Amino acid sequence: MDAISKLIRVARPEGAVDVRCLLAGAHVLDNPPCRPRRVPFHLLLSGHCVAEVRGRTLELRPGDVLVLPRGCGHRVRVVADGPPSPFVRHVGGSIATERGDDEPVIDLFCGHYTYQPGAGELLFGGLPDIVHASLGVGEGSPPRLLGELMRSEADLDGPGAGALLASLCEALLALALRGAASDPVPPWTAVTDPGLRAVVDAVASEPGHHWTISGLARIAGVSRATLVRHFSAATGMGVAEFLGRTRMTIAADLLTGTDRGLADIAGAVGYRSASAFGKAFREATGSTPAQLRRAGDRR
C-alpha cells in the first residue's frame, strides 16, 4: 500500500459536506476559524472563486480543491458580474443547499474533515497551512467523475446519501493530497520525484526497519547530502522529521486501535525499547502513549 493510502487509513479522517452553494451574482462567504481537530475544505465544480487565507489570495477554478489543515478562518469570494442574487438555505436530509431563483454561476461544495487525537493529528499536522490542488474537470478525469457523483447524491439525497458523501469526501482528500501544488512547497504527499516517492513509500511500508539517511539515500539512488537537500526542498520537511512523524502516526493508530503492548508497538515502528519510544512519542505529540491510549478508550 502506498504511503498516502496507508496514512489516510490509519488517521481515519471523517469527511462531511456542510453546504452546497448554488449562487448567482457576486457573493462573499465568510468562514470563521474551526474548532480543534476540524479541517475545512472547498471543492469548486463550476464557476470562479477567490479564496483569501491568512493574507494570501488563491484563485479557484473548476476542479480546484482547497483544504485548510489548521482550520483557519478564511473568506471565499464568488467572482461574477452583477450584485449578489438572494438565496435561501434549504436544510434537510444529508446536505444543506444555498440556492436562489436565478441561474447559478457557481457550484461549490463546502465541507470539513474531523479527526481524533493521535494519528489524525500527526497526519494533518505534517501538512502545510494551505493545500490547494488544481485537479481539472476534463472528460473522464477523477475529479469530474467524483464531482458528478457528489452532485448526484446531493440532488437525490436518498437513503445512505450521507454515508456515500462521507466516502467521496475521503476520496477527495486523497486526490487533493497527491495533486497539491501549495506555495512555497507542496506537502510531502505530492512529491513526484521517483526517488523521493520511493523513500516515502519505503518508510510508510516498513516503519519498523532500522532506517538511516544513508540507507534511504540508496533507495532514492542519490547521495546522502543530495537526499537531504532534495527532500527538504521538495517538501519543506527534513528526512528525519518525516521518518519520525510517519512512525508516530502509525504508532498512534496501534495505540488507539489495538491492545498490543508498548514494547511490541515500539518495535513495530523502529524503536528498540519502550522507554525510547515513549520519549520520542511525547516529544512528537505532547502526550505519553498511555495518555493517548486512555483517550482512545474513552471514545
Protein backbone atom coordinates (compact mmCIF):
# COMPACT_ATOMS: atom_id res chain seq x y z
CA MET A 1 0.00 0.00 0.00
CA ASP A 2 1.37 3.44 -0.89
CA ALA A 3 2.14 6.00 1.81
CA ILE A 4 -0.83 8.31 1.23
CA SER A 5 -3.31 5.44 1.31
CA LYS A 6 -1.77 3.92 4.43
CA LEU A 7 -1.56 7.13 6.44
CA ILE A 8 -5.05 8.31 5.49
CA ARG A 9 -6.34 4.90 6.52
CA VAL A 10 -4.64 4.97 9.93
CA ALA A 11 -5.61 8.63 10.52
CA ARG A 12 -9.29 7.81 9.89
CA PRO A 13 -10.48 11.31 8.95
CA GLU A 14 -14.26 11.63 8.72
CA GLY A 15 -15.48 13.84 5.91
CA ALA A 16 -18.82 15.59 5.53
CA VAL A 17 -20.36 18.13 3.17
CA ASP A 18 -21.82 21.02 5.16
CA VAL A 19 -23.43 23.00 2.37
CA ARG A 20 -23.61 23.11 -1.40
CA CYS A 21 -23.61 26.67 -2.75
CA LEU A 22 -25.50 27.27 -6.00
CA LEU A 23 -25.33 31.04 -6.17
CA ALA A 24 -25.84 33.78 -8.75
CA GLY A 25 -24.04 37.14 -8.71
CA ALA A 26 -21.03 38.18 -6.67
CA HIS A 27 -21.07 36.86 -3.10
CA VAL A 28 -18.73 36.94 -0.12
CA LEU A 29 -18.71 33.81 2.04
CA ASP A 30 -17.02 34.32 5.41
CA ASN A 31 -15.82 31.22 7.24
CA PRO A 32 -14.79 31.60 10.90
CA PRO A 33 -11.93 29.59 12.42
CA CYS A 34 -12.86 25.97 13.06
CA ARG A 35 -12.84 24.28 16.41
CA PRO A 36 -9.88 21.98 17.15
CA ARG A 37 -9.44 18.87 15.00
CA ARG A 38 -11.78 20.16 12.31
CA VAL A 39 -10.37 20.82 8.82
CA PRO A 40 -12.47 22.77 6.30
CA PHE A 41 -12.41 22.08 2.57
CA HIS A 42 -13.97 23.50 -0.58
CA LEU A 43 -14.49 21.79 -3.93
CA LEU A 44 -15.41 24.04 -6.85
CA LEU A 45 -17.20 22.22 -9.67
CA SER A 46 -18.15 25.21 -11.80
CA GLY A 47 -17.66 28.97 -11.76
CA HIS A 48 -14.84 31.14 -10.44
CA CYS A 49 -13.97 31.98 -6.83
CA VAL A 50 -11.17 33.68 -4.95
CA ALA A 51 -10.16 32.43 -1.52
CA GLU A 52 -8.49 34.77 0.97
CA VAL A 53 -6.50 32.86 3.58
CA ARG A 54 -4.02 34.38 6.02
CA GLY A 55 -3.11 37.27 3.75
CA ARG A 56 -2.89 35.13 0.64
CA THR A 57 -5.24 35.19 -2.35
CA LEU A 58 -5.90 31.95 -4.21
CA GLU A 59 -7.76 31.62 -7.49
CA LEU A 60 -10.20 28.71 -7.53
CA ARG A 61 -11.25 27.31 -10.88
CA PRO A 62 -13.46 24.31 -11.73
CA GLY A 63 -11.83 21.16 -10.37
CA ASP A 64 -9.93 23.02 -7.64
CA VAL A 65 -9.85 21.71 -4.07
CA LEU A 66 -8.83 23.83 -1.08
CA VAL A 67 -8.04 22.13 2.25
CA LEU A 68 -7.00 24.10 5.34
CA PRO A 69 -5.33 21.69 7.82
CA ARG A 70 -5.09 24.32 10.60
CA GLY A 71 -8.79 25.17 10.37
CA CYS A 72 -8.04 28.88 9.98
CA GLY A 73 -10.72 31.46 9.24
CA HIS A 74 -11.00 32.43 5.59
CA ARG A 75 -13.16 34.16 3.02
CA VAL A 76 -14.40 32.90 -0.34
CA ARG A 77 -15.46 35.48 -2.92
CA VAL A 78 -17.65 34.44 -5.83
CA VAL A 79 -16.35 36.16 -8.96
CA ALA A 80 -19.33 37.13 -11.11
CA ASP A 81 -20.97 40.11 -12.77
CA GLY A 82 -23.82 41.81 -11.01
CA PRO A 83 -24.90 42.12 -7.40
CA PRO A 84 -25.49 39.06 -5.25
CA SER A 85 -28.76 37.38 -6.00
CA PRO A 86 -30.86 36.49 -2.91
CA PHE A 87 -30.72 32.89 -1.87
CA VAL A 88 -32.30 30.62 0.72
CA ARG A 89 -30.57 27.89 2.70
CA HIS A 90 -32.52 24.67 2.40
CA VAL A 91 -31.77 22.34 5.29
CA GLY A 92 -32.90 18.75 5.27
CA GLY A 93 -31.69 15.26 4.64
CA SER A 94 -27.94 14.79 4.37
CA ILE A 95 -26.84 18.15 2.94
CA ALA A 96 -27.85 21.79 3.18
CA THR A 97 -28.10 23.82 -0.03
CA GLU A 98 -27.85 27.54 -0.60
CA ARG A 99 -29.79 28.27 -3.75
CA GLY A 100 -31.54 31.23 -5.33
CA ASP A 101 -34.10 31.55 -8.11
CA ASP A 102 -31.56 32.82 -10.67
CA GLU A 103 -29.30 30.61 -12.74
CA PRO A 104 -26.27 29.83 -10.52
CA VAL A 105 -22.81 30.95 -11.57
CA ILE A 106 -21.02 28.61 -9.15
CA ASP A 107 -21.41 25.09 -7.84
CA LEU A 108 -19.31 24.93 -4.67
CA PHE A 109 -19.23 22.14 -2.09
CA CYS A 110 -18.13 23.27 1.37
CA GLY A 111 -17.36 20.66 3.99
CA HIS A 112 -14.95 19.53 6.65
CA TYR A 113 -12.88 16.66 7.96
CA THR A 114 -12.69 15.75 11.61
CA TYR A 115 -10.04 13.62 13.24
CA GLN A 116 -9.19 12.26 16.67
CA PRO A 117 -6.04 12.93 18.71
CA GLY A 118 -3.11 10.82 17.67
CA ALA A 119 -2.76 9.58 14.10
CA GLY A 120 -5.08 12.19 12.57
CA GLU A 121 -3.36 14.98 14.46
CA LEU A 122 0.03 13.87 13.20
CA LEU A 123 -1.12 13.48 9.59
CA PHE A 124 -2.74 16.90 9.33
CA GLY A 125 -0.03 18.49 11.47
CA GLY A 126 2.56 17.47 8.88
CA LEU A 127 0.74 19.32 6.07
CA PRO A 128 1.12 23.00 5.09
CA ASP A 129 -1.39 25.58 6.33
CA ILE A 130 -2.92 25.64 2.84
CA VAL A 131 -3.33 22.68 0.50
CA HIS A 132 -4.54 23.82 -2.92
CA ALA A 133 -4.92 21.27 -5.71
CA SER A 134 -5.99 22.09 -9.26
CA LEU A 135 -7.33 18.76 -10.44
CA GLY A 136 -9.22 19.87 -13.54
CA VAL A 137 -12.55 18.66 -14.83
CA GLY A 138 -11.59 17.16 -18.18
CA GLU A 139 -13.58 14.34 -19.72
CA GLY A 140 -13.08 11.21 -17.62
CA SER A 141 -10.87 12.92 -15.03
CA PRO A 142 -11.17 11.66 -11.42
CA PRO A 143 -12.39 15.00 -10.02
CA ARG A 144 -15.04 15.28 -12.71
CA LEU A 145 -16.31 11.78 -12.01
CA LEU A 146 -16.13 12.41 -8.27
CA GLY A 147 -17.88 15.76 -8.64
CA GLU A 148 -20.67 14.23 -10.68
CA LEU A 149 -21.18 11.56 -8.02
CA MET A 150 -21.30 14.22 -5.32
CA ARG A 151 -23.75 16.28 -7.36
CA SER A 152 -25.92 13.25 -7.98
CA GLU A 153 -26.02 12.23 -4.31
CA ALA A 154 -26.65 15.81 -3.19
CA ASP A 155 -29.51 16.21 -5.69
CA LEU A 156 -31.05 12.85 -4.86
CA ASP A 157 -30.39 12.98 -1.11
CA GLY A 158 -31.79 9.49 -0.76
CA PRO A 159 -31.19 6.82 1.87
CA GLY A 160 -27.47 6.41 2.58
CA ALA A 161 -26.52 9.69 0.89
CA GLY A 162 -24.69 10.89 3.99
CA ALA A 163 -22.53 7.77 4.13
CA LEU A 164 -21.83 7.91 0.40
CA LEU A 165 -20.86 11.58 0.57
CA ALA A 166 -18.53 10.86 3.51
CA SER A 167 -16.75 8.19 1.45
CA LEU A 168 -16.49 10.54 -1.52
CA CYS A 169 -15.00 13.19 0.76
CA GLU A 170 -12.26 10.75 1.78
CA ALA A 171 -11.51 10.07 -1.89
CA LEU A 172 -11.40 13.83 -2.46
CA LEU A 173 -8.81 14.19 0.31
CA ALA A 174 -6.56 11.59 -1.32
CA LEU A 175 -6.84 13.38 -4.69
CA ALA A 176 -6.08 16.74 -3.08
CA LEU A 177 -3.05 15.47 -1.16
CA ARG A 178 -1.43 13.82 -4.14
CA GLY A 179 -2.22 16.68 -6.54
CA ALA A 180 -1.48 19.70 -4.34
CA ALA A 181 0.83 22.43 -5.56
CA SER A 182 0.98 24.52 -2.41
CA ASP A 183 3.24 27.56 -2.29
CA PRO A 184 6.10 27.79 -1.40
CA VAL A 185 6.39 23.98 -1.35
CA PRO A 186 3.81 21.22 -1.75
CA PRO A 187 3.13 18.72 1.04
CA TRP A 188 5.18 15.52 1.11
CA THR A 189 2.10 13.73 -0.22
CA ALA A 190 2.50 15.47 -3.58
CA VAL A 191 6.14 14.51 -4.19
CA THR A 192 6.54 13.49 -7.83
CA ASP A 193 10.28 12.71 -7.99
CA PRO A 194 10.50 8.90 -8.33
CA GLY A 195 13.43 8.63 -5.92
CA LEU A 196 11.79 10.71 -3.22
CA ARG A 197 8.49 8.87 -3.72
CA ALA A 198 10.35 5.58 -3.23
CA VAL A 199 11.72 6.90 0.08
CA VAL A 200 8.27 8.00 1.25
CA ASP A 201 6.67 4.66 0.38
CA ALA A 202 9.52 2.66 1.93
CA VAL A 203 9.21 4.45 5.28
CA ALA A 204 5.41 4.07 5.37
CA SER A 205 5.59 0.40 4.35
CA GLU A 206 8.26 -0.60 6.85
CA PRO A 207 8.23 1.85 9.79
CA GLY A 208 9.95 -0.73 11.98
CA HIS A 209 13.02 -1.00 9.76
CA HIS A 210 16.24 0.49 11.14
CA TRP A 211 16.28 3.32 8.62
CA THR A 212 19.27 5.60 8.22
CA ILE A 213 19.65 8.62 5.97
CA SER A 214 22.32 6.74 4.04
CA GLY A 215 20.03 3.73 3.58
CA LEU A 216 17.18 5.91 2.35
CA ALA A 217 19.58 7.71 0.01
CA ARG A 218 20.42 4.35 -1.59
CA ILE A 219 16.71 3.75 -2.17
CA ALA A 220 16.44 7.16 -3.83
CA GLY A 221 19.55 6.46 -5.90
CA VAL A 222 21.36 9.60 -4.74
CA SER A 223 23.99 10.61 -2.23
CA ARG A 224 23.12 11.26 1.41
CA ALA A 225 23.67 15.01 1.03
CA THR A 226 21.59 15.13 -2.15
CA LEU A 227 18.69 13.31 -0.49
CA VAL A 228 18.70 15.67 2.48
CA ARG A 229 18.78 18.70 0.21
CA HIS A 230 16.21 17.49 -2.32
CA PHE A 231 13.75 16.13 0.24
CA SER A 232 13.72 19.38 2.20
CA ALA A 233 13.37 21.48 -0.96
CA ALA A 234 10.53 19.30 -2.28
CA THR A 235 8.50 19.01 0.93
CA GLY A 236 9.65 21.69 3.38
CA MET A 237 10.34 18.85 5.83
CA GLY A 238 13.58 17.11 6.72
CA VAL A 239 14.03 13.39 6.07
CA ALA A 240 14.45 12.65 9.79
CA GLU A 241 11.33 14.66 10.63
CA PHE A 242 9.31 12.77 8.04
CA LEU A 243 10.62 9.45 9.32
CA GLY A 244 9.73 10.30 12.92
CA ARG A 245 6.31 11.72 12.08
CA THR A 246 5.38 8.71 9.97
CA ARG A 247 6.44 6.31 12.69
CA MET A 248 4.47 8.20 15.32
CA THR A 249 1.37 8.33 13.09
CA ILE A 250 1.38 4.56 12.71
CA ALA A 251 2.18 4.09 16.41
CA ALA A 252 -0.75 6.31 17.41
CA ASP A 253 -3.07 4.13 15.36
CA LEU A 254 -1.73 0.99 17.03
CA LEU A 255 -2.17 2.56 20.47
CA THR A 256 -5.80 3.52 19.89
CA GLY A 257 -6.86 0.71 17.57
CA THR A 258 -5.23 -2.36 19.13
CA ASP A 259 -4.38 -3.78 22.54
CA ARG A 260 -0.76 -4.50 21.64
CA GLY A 261 1.78 -3.87 24.38
CA LEU A 262 4.00 -0.80 24.44
CA ALA A 263 7.20 -2.75 23.78
CA ASP A 264 5.56 -4.50 20.82
CA ILE A 265 4.40 -1.20 19.34
CA ALA A 266 7.82 0.35 19.92
CA GLY A 267 9.45 -2.44 17.91
CA ALA A 268 6.82 -2.15 15.16
CA VAL A 269 7.83 1.46 14.50
CA GLY A 270 11.58 1.09 14.80
CA TYR A 271 12.43 1.64 18.48
CA ARG A 272 14.49 -0.82 20.47
CA SER A 273 12.88 -0.03 23.81
CA ALA A 274 9.56 1.15 25.16
CA SER A 275 11.28 3.98 27.03
CA ALA A 276 12.97 5.35 23.89
CA PHE A 277 9.68 5.13 22.03
CA GLY A 278 7.78 6.81 24.87
CA LYS A 279 10.20 9.73 24.91
CA ALA A 280 10.02 10.19 21.14
CA PHE A 281 6.23 9.91 21.17
CA ARG A 282 5.91 12.51 23.91
CA GLU A 283 8.19 14.92 22.02
CA ALA A 284 6.17 14.46 18.83
CA THR A 285 2.66 14.64 20.27
CA GLY A 286 2.85 16.31 23.69
CA SER A 287 1.29 13.29 25.39
CA THR A 288 2.51 9.90 26.52
CA PRO A 289 1.48 6.67 24.79
CA ALA A 290 -0.55 5.73 27.88
CA GLN A 291 -2.42 9.05 27.83
CA LEU A 292 -3.33 8.62 24.16
CA ARG A 293 -4.47 5.04 24.75
CA ARG A 294 -6.71 6.14 27.62
CA ALA A 295 -8.16 8.92 25.48
CA GLY A 296 -8.91 6.36 22.78
CA ASP A 297 -10.60 4.07 25.30
CA ARG A 298 -12.97 6.90 26.30
CA ARG A 299 -14.17 7.47 22.73
